Amino acid sequence: MTQARKWMAIDFGGPEVLRMIDVDVPDPGPGEVRIEVRAAGMNPADAKHIAPGQDPGLLPLSIGFEVAGVVSRLGPDTHLASGRGAVGDSVVASTVNGGYATAMTVPTSSVFAMPRSLNFPEAANLLLVGTTAADLLHASAARPGESVLLHGATGAVGVSVLQQARRLGVRVVGTASPGNFDFVRRFGATPVGYGPGLLDRVRDAAPEGIAAALDTVGSEEAGDVSLALVADRERIVTIVAAPRAKAEGYVFVGAANARSGPFRAQARARILKLAQNGDLVVPMAQTFGFTDAPAALAALTRPHTPGKLALVIEG
């Protein structure tokens, strides 16, 4: 048994409901590993996890779904999901429960050797967005030589889509604000500004036609433009607009899609390999000290420069 500090939500709400507490971290049993956390990844799902309107019986709630750190202890006869493993190894763990912590014991089925090409904050933000992006591309059946429309090209999932699409030979037209056009071009995509006139701008950018549309935004505009451009509704895929997807007959991927979980679990190894080979990077917008979790969560829910956020724990 060891002790750790951990952020918990004592109520539903925003950053104001977070409290840092001391917790006991159990020694790992068979099939488990204890990780000294060096960085906790941050995702919009963190804020949604503690959003108002939920059952008070769920409280208090742990927060954080992915981390990167160092193995401090392995359970008996236990190997990492990526194979072998030893005390001192750098690892990434996703999906876990309660990643805003300085240490945690988790099943090794969620723990993989950390790509040497990434630092801890980057690695802690790799797998959730990477597997979500892979799910979008897979569900849309995007093929080499095709052009696809991506709503939200500078969001965390969008940036991973851009990189994975380029590896597949898929051309992307991505929506962004004009100030972020160069960021979109950095990853090989064609930027277009969202807002009135988007449909015509996409048609001008892709006169060959749009084969599929990927939505990470969930706006009415994203849905309208996707439906206007893509005749086959099975090739319009969203991660945010589940009610409209159901009503209009296009595809939602995520927790409510029974295919998403197994696909994303299998995709983790491929995402890690892409990162290891330098073919998938994780742009960072900002890092925060562990004690600054409330400020970090506030930043997460506001517009910020493209890139991910992370809580960093000094080793």
C-alpha atoms as a PDB file:
ATOM      1  CA  MET A   1       0.000   0.000   0.000  1.00  0.00           C
ATOM      2  CA  THR A   2       1.188   3.491  -0.840  1.00  0.00           C
ATOM      3  CA  GLN A   3      -0.378   6.923  -0.602  1.00  0.00           C
ATOM      4  CA  ALA A   4      -1.249   9.333  -3.386  1.00  0.00           C
ATOM      5  CA  ARG A   5      -2.985  12.632  -3.943  1.00  0.00           C
ATOM      6  CA  LYS A   6      -6.104  12.571  -6.069  1.00  0.00           C
ATOM      7  CA  TRP A   7      -8.675  15.035  -7.389  1.00  0.00           C
ATOM      8  CA  MET A   8     -12.326  14.147  -6.773  1.00  0.00           C
ATOM      9  CA  ALA A   9     -15.596  15.875  -7.636  1.00  0.00           C
ATOM     10  CA  ILE A  10     -17.706  16.260  -4.484  1.00  0.00           C
ATOM     11  CA  ASP A  11     -20.678  17.589  -6.460  1.00  0.00           C
ATOM     12  CA  PHE A  12     -21.743  18.070 -10.056  1.00  0.00           C
ATOM     13  CA  GLY A  13     -20.617  21.261 -11.714  1.00  0.00           C
ATOM     14  CA  GLY A  14     -17.389  22.830 -12.934  1.00  0.00           C
ATOM     15  CA  PRO A  15     -13.902  23.401 -11.508  1.00  0.00           C
ATOM     16  CA  GLU A  16     -15.340  24.606  -8.197  1.00  0.00           C
ATOM     17  CA  VAL A  17     -16.474  21.067  -7.256  1.00  0.00           C
ATOM     18  CA  LEU A  18     -12.962  19.575  -7.359  1.00  0.00           C
ATOM     19  CA  ARG A  19     -11.170  18.703  -4.123  1.00  0.00           C
ATOM     20  CA  MET A  20      -7.706  17.190  -3.701  1.00  0.00           C
ATOM     21  CA  ILE A  21      -7.587  14.363  -1.163  1.00  0.00           C
ATOM     22  CA  ASP A  22      -5.109  11.786   0.094  1.00  0.00           C
ATOM     23  CA  VAL A  23      -5.914   8.195  -0.866  1.00  0.00           C
ATOM     24  CA  ASP A  24      -4.419   4.768  -0.314  1.00  0.00           C
ATOM     25  CA  VAL A  25      -3.262   3.051  -3.494  1.00  0.00           C
ATOM     26  CA  PRO A  26      -3.398  -0.739  -3.134  1.00  0.00           C
ATOM     27  CA  ASP A  27      -0.547  -3.005  -4.095  1.00  0.00           C
ATOM     28  CA  PRO A  28      -1.216  -4.608  -7.475  1.00  0.00           C
ATOM     29  CA  GLY A  29      -2.537  -8.149  -7.611  1.00  0.00           C
ATOM     30  CA  PRO A  30      -2.287 -10.545 -10.573  1.00  0.00           C
ATOM     31  CA  GLY A  31      -3.091  -8.694 -13.791  1.00  0.00           C
ATOM     32  CA  GLU A  32      -2.523  -5.274 -12.216  1.00  0.00           C
ATOM     33  CA  VAL A  33       0.202  -2.634 -12.199  1.00  0.00           C
ATOM     34  CA  ARG A  34       0.854   0.388 -10.019  1.00  0.00           C
ATOM     35  CA  ILE A  35       1.852   3.536 -11.880  1.00  0.00           C
ATOM     36  CA  GLU A  36       3.553   6.625 -10.533  1.00  0.00           C
ATOM     37  CA  VAL A  37       1.762   9.177 -12.693  1.00  0.00           C
ATOM     38  CA  ARG A  38       3.856  11.792 -14.463  1.00  0.00           C
ATOM     39  CA  ALA A  39       1.063  13.371 -16.521  1.00  0.00           C
ATOM     40  CA  ALA A  40      -2.718  13.082 -16.682  1.00  0.00           C
ATOM     41  CA  GLY A  41      -4.323  13.655 -20.055  1.00  0.00           C
ATOM     42  CA  MET A  42      -7.319  15.969 -20.267  1.00  0.00           C
ATOM     43  CA  ASN A  43     -10.363  15.456 -22.474  1.00  0.00           C
ATOM     44  CA  PRO A  44     -13.796  17.085 -22.883  1.00  0.00           C
ATOM     45  CA  ALA A  45     -15.187  13.862 -21.414  1.00  0.00           C
ATOM     46  CA  ASP A  46     -13.643  14.880 -18.069  1.00  0.00           C
ATOM     47  CA  ALA A  47     -15.939  17.895 -17.823  1.00  0.00           C
ATOM     48  CA  LYS A  48     -18.953  15.930 -19.090  1.00  0.00           C
ATOM     49  CA  HIS A  49     -18.285  13.256 -16.461  1.00  0.00           C
ATOM     50  CA  ILE A  50     -19.032  15.711 -13.643  1.00  0.00           C
ATOM     51  CA  ALA A  51     -21.604  17.880 -15.442  1.00  0.00           C
ATOM     52  CA  PRO A  52     -24.807  18.839 -13.568  1.00  0.00           C
ATOM     53  CA  GLY A  53     -27.987  16.828 -13.881  1.00  0.00           C
ATOM     54  CA  GLN A  54     -26.718  13.404 -12.867  1.00  0.00           C
ATOM     55  CA  ASP A  55     -27.643  11.021 -10.049  1.00  0.00           C
ATOM     56  CA  PRO A  56     -26.257  12.372  -6.738  1.00  0.00           C
ATOM     57  CA  GLY A  57     -25.761   8.777  -5.658  1.00  0.00           C
ATOM     58  CA  LEU A  58     -22.738   8.629  -7.983  1.00  0.00           C
ATOM     59  CA  LEU A  59     -20.817  11.146  -5.878  1.00  0.00           C
ATOM     60  CA  PRO A  60     -18.000  11.590  -5.112  1.00  0.00           C
ATOM     61  CA  LEU A  61     -16.597  11.016  -8.598  1.00  0.00           C
ATOM     62  CA  SER A  62     -13.070  10.296  -9.739  1.00  0.00           C
ATOM     63  CA  ILE A  63     -11.986  12.201 -12.840  1.00  0.00           C
ATOM     64  CA  GLY A  64      -9.528  11.543 -15.670  1.00  0.00           C
ATOM     65  CA  PHE A  65      -9.377   8.722 -18.201  1.00  0.00           C
ATOM     66  CA  GLU A  66      -5.747   8.452 -19.324  1.00  0.00           C
ATOM     67  CA  VAL A  67      -2.293   8.886 -17.855  1.00  0.00           C
ATOM     68  CA  ALA A  68       1.385   8.400 -18.588  1.00  0.00           C
ATOM     69  CA  GLY A  69       3.924   7.500 -15.947  1.00  0.00           C
ATOM     70  CA  VAL A  70       6.393   4.976 -14.595  1.00  0.00           C
ATOM     71  CA  VAL A  71       5.742   1.446 -13.370  1.00  0.00           C
ATOM     72  CA  SER A  72       6.408   1.274  -9.624  1.00  0.00           C
ATOM     73  CA  ARG A  73       5.165  -2.270  -9.059  1.00  0.00           C
ATOM     74  CA  LEU A  74       3.812  -5.178 -11.099  1.00  0.00           C
ATOM     75  CA  GLY A  75       1.434  -7.804  -9.765  1.00  0.00           C
ATOM     76  CA  PRO A  76       2.589 -11.441  -9.568  1.00  0.00           C
ATOM     77  CA  ASP A  77       3.170 -13.132 -12.935  1.00  0.00           C
ATOM     78  CA  THR A  78       1.891 -10.042 -14.710  1.00  0.00           C
ATOM     79  CA  HIS A  79       2.775  -8.480 -18.062  1.00  0.00           C
ATOM     80  CA  LEU A  80       1.703  -5.219 -19.694  1.00  0.00           C
ATOM     81  CA  ALA A  81      -0.848  -5.274 -22.504  1.00  0.00           C
ATOM     82  CA  SER A  82       2.048  -4.552 -24.877  1.00  0.00           C
ATOM     83  CA  GLY A  83       4.098  -7.425 -23.419  1.00  0.00           C
ATOM     84  CA  ARG A  84       6.535  -7.977 -20.545  1.00  0.00           C
ATOM     85  CA  GLY A  85       7.216  -4.860 -18.447  1.00  0.00           C
ATOM     86  CA  ALA A  86       9.369  -4.018 -15.447  1.00  0.00           C
ATOM     87  CA  VAL A  87       9.599  -1.533 -12.601  1.00  0.00           C
ATOM     88  CA  GLY A  88      10.876   1.765 -13.990  1.00  0.00           C
ATOM     89  CA  ASP A  89       9.309   1.352 -17.435  1.00  0.00           C
ATOM     90  CA  SER A  90       7.555   4.373 -18.911  1.00  0.00           C
ATOM     91  CA  VAL A  91       3.963   3.519 -19.774  1.00  0.00           C
ATOM     92  CA  VAL A  92       0.672   4.965 -20.973  1.00  0.00           C
ATOM     93  CA  ALA A  93      -2.658   3.817 -19.541  1.00  0.00           C
ATOM     94  CA  SER A  94      -6.040   4.279 -21.213  1.00  0.00           C
ATOM     95  CA  THR A  95      -8.942   3.964 -20.477  1.00  0.00           C
ATOM     96  CA  VAL A  96      -8.687   4.238 -16.670  1.00  0.00           C
ATOM     97  CA  ASN A  97     -10.858   5.712 -13.919  1.00  0.00           C
ATOM     98  CA  GLY A  98      -9.468   8.522 -11.781  1.00  0.00           C
ATOM     99  CA  GLY A  99      -6.409   9.605 -13.725  1.00  0.00           C
ATOM    100  CA  TYR A 100      -6.124  12.946 -11.913  1.00  0.00           C
ATOM    101  CA  ALA A 101      -3.901  11.277  -9.321  1.00  0.00           C
ATOM    102  CA  THR A 102      -0.235  11.019  -8.449  1.00  0.00           C
ATOM    103  CA  ALA A 103      -0.360   7.213  -8.399  1.00  0.00           C
ATOM    104  CA  MET A 104      -2.878   4.503  -9.263  1.00  0.00           C
ATOM    105  CA  THR A 105      -3.233   0.743  -9.532  1.00  0.00           C
ATOM    106  CA  VAL A 106      -4.920  -0.363 -12.762  1.00  0.00           C
ATOM    107  CA  PRO A 107      -5.483  -3.508 -14.840  1.00  0.00           C
ATOM    108  CA  THR A 108      -2.577  -4.211 -17.161  1.00  0.00           C
ATOM    109  CA  SER A 109      -5.043  -4.687 -20.020  1.00  0.00           C
ATOM    110  CA  SER A 110      -5.087  -0.866 -20.156  1.00  0.00           C
ATOM    111  CA  VAL A 111      -1.318  -0.319 -19.879  1.00  0.00           C
ATOM    112  CA  PHE A 112       1.149  -0.116 -22.759  1.00  0.00           C
ATOM    113  CA  ALA A 113       4.807   0.742 -23.228  1.00  0.00           C
ATOM    114  CA  MET A 114       5.068   4.480 -23.865  1.00  0.00           C
ATOM    115  CA  PRO A 115       6.295   5.521 -27.327  1.00  0.00           C
ATOM    116  CA  ARG A 116       9.812   6.876 -26.994  1.00  0.00           C
ATOM    117  CA  SER A 117       8.967   9.657 -29.453  1.00  0.00           C
ATOM    118  CA  LEU A 118       6.589  11.298 -26.952  1.00  0.00           C
ATOM    119  CA  ASN A 119       7.076  12.990 -23.606  1.00  0.00           C
ATOM    120  CA  PHE A 120       4.756  12.269 -20.674  1.00  0.00           C
ATOM    121  CA  PRO A 121       2.140  15.009 -21.340  1.00  0.00           C
ATOM    122  CA  GLU A 122       1.938  14.041 -25.005  1.00  0.00           C
ATOM    123  CA  ALA A 123       1.694  10.324 -24.258  1.00  0.00           C
ATOM    124  CA  ALA A 124      -1.034  10.935 -21.677  1.00  0.00           C
ATOM    125  CA  ASN A 125      -3.129  12.500 -24.438  1.00  0.00           C
ATOM    126  CA  LEU A 126      -2.495   9.997 -27.228  1.00  0.00           C
ATOM    127  CA  LEU A 127      -4.935   7.122 -27.055  1.00  0.00           C
ATOM    128  CA  LEU A 128      -8.418   8.491 -26.407  1.00  0.00           C
ATOM    129  CA  VAL A 129      -8.300  10.987 -29.258  1.00  0.00           C
ATOM    130  CA  GLY A 130      -6.259   8.632 -31.443  1.00  0.00           C
ATOM    131  CA  THR A 131      -8.700   5.751 -31.209  1.00  0.00           C
ATOM    132  CA  THR A 132     -11.694   8.092 -31.575  1.00  0.00           C
ATOM    133  CA  ALA A 133     -10.192   9.507 -34.768  1.00  0.00           C
ATOM    134  CA  ALA A 134      -9.523   5.997 -36.050  1.00  0.00           C
ATOM    135  CA  ASP A 135     -13.137   5.057 -35.304  1.00  0.00           C
ATOM    136  CA  LEU A 136     -14.415   8.038 -37.318  1.00  0.00           C
ATOM    137  CA  LEU A 137     -12.301   7.150 -40.331  1.00  0.00           C
ATOM    138  CA  HIS A 138     -13.151   3.461 -40.106  1.00  0.00           C
ATOM    139  CA  ALA A 139     -16.899   4.008 -39.748  1.00  0.00           C
ATOM    140  CA  SER A 140     -16.927   6.401 -42.723  1.00  0.00           C
ATOM    141  CA  ALA A 141     -15.119   3.810 -44.885  1.00  0.00           C
ATOM    142  CA  ALA A 142     -12.670   6.500 -46.030  1.00  0.00           C
ATOM    143  CA  ARG A 143     -10.489   5.129 -48.830  1.00  0.00           C
ATOM    144  CA  PRO A 144      -7.230   6.218 -50.495  1.00  0.00           C
ATOM    145  CA  GLY A 145      -7.788   8.889 -53.121  1.00  0.00           C
ATOM    146  CA  GLU A 146     -11.072  10.109 -51.652  1.00  0.00           C
ATOM    147  CA  SER A 147     -11.791  13.547 -50.241  1.00  0.00           C
ATOM    148  CA  VAL A 148     -13.578  13.847 -46.896  1.00  0.00           C
ATOM    149  CA  LEU A 149     -14.944  16.804 -44.969  1.00  0.00           C
ATOM    150  CA  LEU A 150     -13.868  17.148 -41.345  1.00  0.00           C
ATOM    151  CA  HIS A 151     -15.817  19.498 -39.086  1.00  0.00           C
ATOM    152  CA  GLY A 152     -13.498  20.724 -36.315  1.00  0.00           C
ATOM    153  CA  ALA A 153     -10.073  20.186 -37.846  1.00  0.00           C
ATOM    154  CA  THR A 154      -8.164  21.925 -35.049  1.00  0.00           C
ATOM    155  CA  GLY A 155      -9.777  20.060 -32.158  1.00  0.00           C
ATOM    156  CA  ALA A 156      -7.833  17.262 -30.505  1.00  0.00           C
ATOM    157  CA  VAL A 157      -9.710  14.490 -32.330  1.00  0.00           C
ATOM    158  CA  GLY A 158      -9.608  16.484 -35.555  1.00  0.00           C
ATOM    159  CA  VAL A 159      -5.826  16.820 -35.477  1.00  0.00           C
ATOM    160  CA  SER A 160      -5.473  13.060 -35.073  1.00  0.00           C
ATOM    161  CA  VAL A 161      -7.923  12.523 -37.952  1.00  0.00           C
ATOM    162  CA  LEU A 162      -5.771  14.759 -40.168  1.00  0.00           C
ATOM    163  CA  GLN A 163      -2.645  12.747 -39.458  1.00  0.00           C
ATOM    164  CA  GLN A 164      -4.248   9.328 -39.772  1.00  0.00           C
ATOM    165  CA  ALA A 165      -6.068  10.310 -42.969  1.00  0.00           C
ATOM    166  CA  ARG A 166      -2.811  11.448 -44.533  1.00  0.00           C
ATOM    167  CA  ARG A 167      -1.281   8.061 -43.738  1.00  0.00           C
ATOM    168  CA  LEU A 168      -4.258   6.407 -45.473  1.00  0.00           C
ATOM    169  CA  GLY A 169      -3.955   8.573 -48.559  1.00  0.00           C
ATOM    170  CA  VAL A 170      -7.244  10.330 -47.834  1.00  0.00           C
ATOM    171  CA  ARG A 171      -7.526  14.045 -48.633  1.00  0.00           C
ATOM    172  CA  VAL A 172      -9.176  16.159 -45.939  1.00  0.00           C
ATOM    173  CA  VAL A 173     -11.004  19.464 -46.211  1.00  0.00           C
ATOM    174  CA  GLY A 174     -11.208  20.710 -42.630  1.00  0.00           C
ATOM    175  CA  THR A 175     -13.225  23.503 -41.029  1.00  0.00           C
ATOM    176  CA  ALA A 176     -11.355  25.974 -38.848  1.00  0.00           C
ATOM    177  CA  SER A 177     -11.181  29.651 -37.955  1.00  0.00           C
ATOM    178  CA  PRO A 178      -8.986  31.678 -40.354  1.00  0.00           C
ATOM    179  CA  GLY A 179      -6.403  32.190 -37.629  1.00  0.00           C
ATOM    180  CA  ASN A 180      -5.815  28.445 -37.498  1.00  0.00           C
ATOM    181  CA  PHE A 181      -5.570  27.768 -41.238  1.00  0.00           C
ATOM    182  CA  ASP A 182      -1.779  27.339 -41.113  1.00  0.00           C
ATOM    183  CA  PHE A 183      -2.198  24.793 -38.312  1.00  0.00           C
ATOM    184  CA  VAL A 184      -4.528  22.746 -40.538  1.00  0.00           C
ATOM    185  CA  ARG A 185      -2.143  22.999 -43.494  1.00  0.00           C
ATOM    186  CA  ARG A 186       0.689  21.769 -41.260  1.00  0.00           C
ATOM    187  CA  PHE A 187      -0.991  18.361 -41.269  1.00  0.00           C
ATOM    188  CA  GLY A 188      -1.612  18.225 -45.001  1.00  0.00           C
ATOM    189  CA  ALA A 189      -5.263  19.302 -45.094  1.00  0.00           C
ATOM    190  CA  THR A 190      -7.137  22.074 -46.898  1.00  0.00           C
ATOM    191  CA  PRO A 191      -8.702  24.566 -44.459  1.00  0.00           C
ATOM    192  CA  VAL A 192     -12.070  26.241 -44.974  1.00  0.00           C
ATOM    193  CA  GLY A 193     -13.702  28.739 -42.651  1.00  0.00           C
ATOM    194  CA  TYR A 194     -16.854  27.666 -40.891  1.00  0.00           C
ATOM    195  CA  GLY A 195     -19.899  29.930 -40.819  1.00  0.00           C
ATOM    196  CA  PRO A 196     -22.322  31.213 -43.479  1.00  0.00           C
ATOM    197  CA  GLY A 197     -21.344  30.060 -46.961  1.00  0.00           C
ATOM    198  CA  LEU A 198     -19.524  26.928 -45.754  1.00  0.00           C
ATOM    199  CA  LEU A 199     -21.257  24.660 -48.269  1.00  0.00           C
ATOM    200  CA  ASP A 200     -20.033  26.703 -51.237  1.00  0.00           C
ATOM    201  CA  ARG A 201     -16.521  26.997 -49.805  1.00  0.00           C
ATOM    202  CA  VAL A 202     -16.265  23.228 -49.404  1.00  0.00           C
ATOM    203  CA  ARG A 203     -17.509  22.675 -52.964  1.00  0.00           C
ATOM    204  CA  ASP A 204     -14.879  25.118 -54.239  1.00  0.00           C
ATOM    205  CA  ALA A 205     -12.153  23.399 -52.202  1.00  0.00           C
ATOM    206  CA  ALA A 206     -13.170  19.923 -53.397  1.00  0.00           C
ATOM    207  CA  PRO A 207     -14.644  20.116 -56.910  1.00  0.00           C
ATOM    208  CA  GLU A 208     -14.105  16.358 -57.180  1.00  0.00           C
ATOM    209  CA  GLY A 209     -16.779  15.896 -54.534  1.00  0.00           C
ATOM    210  CA  ILE A 210     -16.860  14.892 -50.873  1.00  0.00           C
ATOM    211  CA  ALA A 211     -17.091  11.134 -50.290  1.00  0.00           C
ATOM    212  CA  ALA A 212     -17.654  11.237 -46.517  1.00  0.00           C
ATOM    213  CA  ALA A 213     -18.149  13.709 -43.685  1.00  0.00           C
ATOM    214  CA  LEU A 214     -16.736  13.476 -40.169  1.00  0.00           C
ATOM    215  CA  ASP A 215     -18.261  15.635 -37.435  1.00  0.00           C
ATOM    216  CA  THR A 216     -16.448  16.461 -34.189  1.00  0.00           C
ATOM    217  CA  VAL A 217     -18.425  19.681 -33.599  1.00  0.00           C
ATOM    218  CA  GLY A 218     -22.105  18.760 -33.478  1.00  0.00           C
ATOM    219  CA  SER A 219     -23.432  22.088 -34.776  1.00  0.00           C
ATOM    220  CA  GLU A 220     -26.511  22.471 -36.956  1.00  0.00           C
ATOM    221  CA  GLU A 221     -24.224  23.793 -39.683  1.00  0.00           C
ATOM    222  CA  ALA A 222     -22.062  20.677 -39.562  1.00  0.00           C
ATOM    223  CA  GLY A 223     -25.079  18.431 -39.933  1.00  0.00           C
ATOM    224  CA  ASP A 224     -26.697  20.506 -42.691  1.00  0.00           C
ATOM    225  CA  VAL A 225     -23.550  20.767 -44.806  1.00  0.00           C
ATOM    226  CA  SER A 226     -22.698  17.092 -44.375  1.00  0.00           C
ATOM    227  CA  LEU A 227     -26.167  16.036 -45.523  1.00  0.00           C
ATOM    228  CA  ALA A 228     -25.992  18.371 -48.509  1.00  0.00           C
ATOM    229  CA  LEU A 229     -22.647  17.003 -49.677  1.00  0.00           C
ATOM    230  CA  VAL A 230     -22.785  13.269 -48.926  1.00  0.00           C
ATOM    231  CA  ALA A 231     -25.600  11.232 -50.451  1.00  0.00           C
ATOM    232  CA  ASP A 232     -24.779   8.006 -48.608  1.00  0.00           C
ATOM    233  CA  ARG A 233     -25.807   8.740 -45.030  1.00  0.00           C
ATOM    234  CA  GLU A 234     -23.843   5.752 -43.745  1.00  0.00           C
ATOM    235  CA  ARG A 235     -20.745   7.752 -44.670  1.00  0.00           C
ATOM    236  CA  ILE A 236     -21.670  10.706 -42.462  1.00  0.00           C
ATOM    237  CA  VAL A 237     -20.237  10.026 -38.997  1.00  0.00           C
ATOM    238  CA  THR A 238     -20.423  12.092 -35.811  1.00  0.00           C
ATOM    239  CA  ILE A 239     -19.031  11.748 -32.301  1.00  0.00           C
ATOM    240  CA  VAL A 240     -21.254  14.436 -30.768  1.00  0.00           C
ATOM    241  CA  ALA A 241     -24.675  14.707 -32.447  1.00  0.00           C
ATOM    242  CA  ALA A 242     -26.260  11.383 -31.504  1.00  0.00           C
ATOM    243  CA  PRO A 243     -29.916  12.563 -31.513  1.00  0.00           C
ATOM    244  CA  ARG A 244     -29.660  14.138 -34.959  1.00  0.00           C
ATOM    245  CA  ALA A 245     -27.720  11.181 -36.333  1.00  0.00           C
ATOM    246  CA  LYS A 246     -30.534   8.887 -35.224  1.00  0.00           C
ATOM    247  CA  ALA A 247     -33.227  11.171 -36.621  1.00  0.00           C
ATOM    248  CA  GLU A 248     -31.487  11.732 -39.974  1.00  0.00           C
ATOM    249  CA  GLY A 249     -30.174   8.207 -40.450  1.00  0.00           C
ATOM    250  CA  TYR A 250     -26.455   8.774 -40.252  1.00  0.00           C
ATOM    251  CA  VAL A 251     -23.833   7.236 -37.948  1.00  0.00           C
ATOM    252  CA  PHE A 252     -22.904   8.030 -34.350  1.00  0.00           C
ATOM    253  CA  VAL A 253     -19.742   6.450 -32.939  1.00  0.00           C
ATOM    254  CA  GLY A 254     -19.082   6.368 -29.210  1.00  0.00           C
ATOM    255  CA  ALA A 255     -20.403   4.689 -26.102  1.00  0.00           C
ATOM    256  CA  ALA A 256     -23.865   4.171 -27.605  1.00  0.00           C
ATOM    257  CA  ASN A 257     -22.436   2.309 -30.601  1.00  0.00           C
ATOM    258  CA  ALA A 258     -21.711  -1.314 -29.728  1.00  0.00           C
ATOM    259  CA  ARG A 259     -18.995  -1.489 -32.381  1.00  0.00           C
ATOM    260  CA  SER A 260     -16.969   1.444 -31.081  1.00  0.00           C
ATOM    261  CA  GLY A 261     -15.624  -0.070 -27.860  1.00  0.00           C
ATOM    262  CA  PRO A 262     -14.129  -3.233 -29.402  1.00  0.00           C
ATOM    263  CA  PHE A 263     -12.773  -1.335 -32.405  1.00  0.00           C
ATOM    264  CA  ARG A 264     -11.089   1.330 -30.276  1.00  0.00           C
ATOM    265  CA  ALA A 265      -9.579  -1.277 -27.960  1.00  0.00           C
ATOM    266  CA  GLN A 266      -8.016  -3.055 -30.928  1.00  0.00           C
ATOM    267  CA  ALA A 267      -6.875   0.235 -32.476  1.00  0.00           C
ATOM    268  CA  ARG A 268      -4.706   1.168 -29.483  1.00  0.00           C
ATOM    269  CA  ALA A 269      -1.745  -0.923 -30.632  1.00  0.00           C
ATOM    270  CA  ARG A 270      -1.796   0.681 -34.089  1.00  0.00           C
ATOM    271  CA  ILE A 271      -2.029   4.200 -32.650  1.00  0.00           C
ATOM    272  CA  LEU A 272       0.928   3.507 -30.359  1.00  0.00           C
ATOM    273  CA  LYS A 273       2.949   2.169 -33.307  1.00  0.00           C
ATOM    274  CA  LEU A 274       2.196   5.265 -35.386  1.00  0.00           C
ATOM    275  CA  ALA A 275       3.407   7.456 -32.531  1.00  0.00           C
ATOM    276  CA  GLN A 276       6.477   5.302 -31.959  1.00  0.00           C
ATOM    277  CA  ASN A 277       7.421   5.688 -35.630  1.00  0.00           C
ATOM    278  CA  GLY A 278       6.917   9.450 -35.535  1.00  0.00           C
ATOM    279  CA  ASP A 279       3.856   9.290 -37.796  1.00  0.00           C
ATOM    280  CA  LEU A 280       1.443  10.607 -35.165  1.00  0.00           C
ATOM    281  CA  VAL A 281       2.205  13.585 -32.944  1.00  0.00           C
ATOM    282  CA  VAL A 282       0.224  15.157 -30.106  1.00  0.00           C
ATOM    283  CA  PRO A 283       0.372  18.964 -30.248  1.00  0.00           C
ATOM    284  CA  MET A 284       0.188  20.472 -26.770  1.00  0.00           C
ATOM    285  CA  ALA A 285      -1.536  23.778 -26.021  1.00  0.00           C
ATOM    286  CA  GLN A 286      -0.654  24.030 -22.308  1.00  0.00           C
ATOM    287  CA  THR A 287       0.376  22.030 -19.263  1.00  0.00           C
ATOM    288  CA  PHE A 288      -0.619  22.687 -15.652  1.00  0.00           C
ATOM    289  CA  GLY A 289       0.884  21.647 -12.339  1.00  0.00           C
ATOM    290  CA  PHE A 290      -1.035  18.931 -10.537  1.00  0.00           C
ATOM    291  CA  THR A 291      -2.312  21.325  -7.876  1.00  0.00           C
ATOM    292  CA  ASP A 292      -3.767  23.560 -10.600  1.00  0.00           C
ATOM    293  CA  ALA A 293      -6.408  21.035 -11.714  1.00  0.00           C
ATOM    294  CA  PRO A 294      -9.351  23.444 -11.236  1.00  0.00           C
ATOM    295  CA  ALA A 295      -7.688  26.049 -13.467  1.00  0.00           C
ATOM    296  CA  ALA A 296      -6.849  23.342 -15.991  1.00  0.00           C
ATOM    297  CA  LEU A 297     -10.450  22.115 -16.077  1.00  0.00           C
ATOM    298  CA  ALA A 298     -11.643  25.688 -16.580  1.00  0.00           C
ATOM    299  CA  ALA A 299      -9.244  26.060 -19.514  1.00  0.00           C
ATOM    300  CA  LEU A 300     -10.461  22.754 -20.939  1.00  0.00           C
ATOM    301  CA  THR A 301     -14.026  24.060 -21.177  1.00  0.00           C
ATOM    302  CA  ARG A 302     -13.059  27.353 -22.842  1.00  0.00           C
ATOM    303  CA  PRO A 303     -11.780  28.034 -26.365  1.00  0.00           C
ATOM    304  CA  HIS A 304      -7.990  27.725 -26.425  1.00  0.00           C
ATOM    305  CA  THR A 305      -5.172  27.460 -28.913  1.00  0.00           C
ATOM    306  CA  PRO A 306      -5.061  24.169 -30.849  1.00  0.00           C
ATOM    307  CA  GLY A 307      -3.555  21.326 -28.885  1.00  0.00           C
ATOM    308  CA  LYS A 308      -4.073  19.259 -25.772  1.00  0.00           C
ATOM    309  CA  LEU A 309      -3.917  20.085 -22.065  1.00  0.00           C
ATOM    310  CA  ALA A 310      -2.318  18.004 -19.333  1.00  0.00           C
ATOM    311  CA  LEU A 311      -1.738  17.936 -15.589  1.00  0.00           C
ATOM    312  CA  VAL A 312       1.942  17.362 -14.875  1.00  0.00           C
ATOM    313  CA  ILE A 313       3.310  15.695 -11.745  1.00  0.00           C
ATOM    314  CA  GLU A 314       6.995  16.193 -11.161  1.00  0.00           C
ATOM    315  CA  GLY A 315       9.000  12.978 -10.762  1.00  0.00           C
END
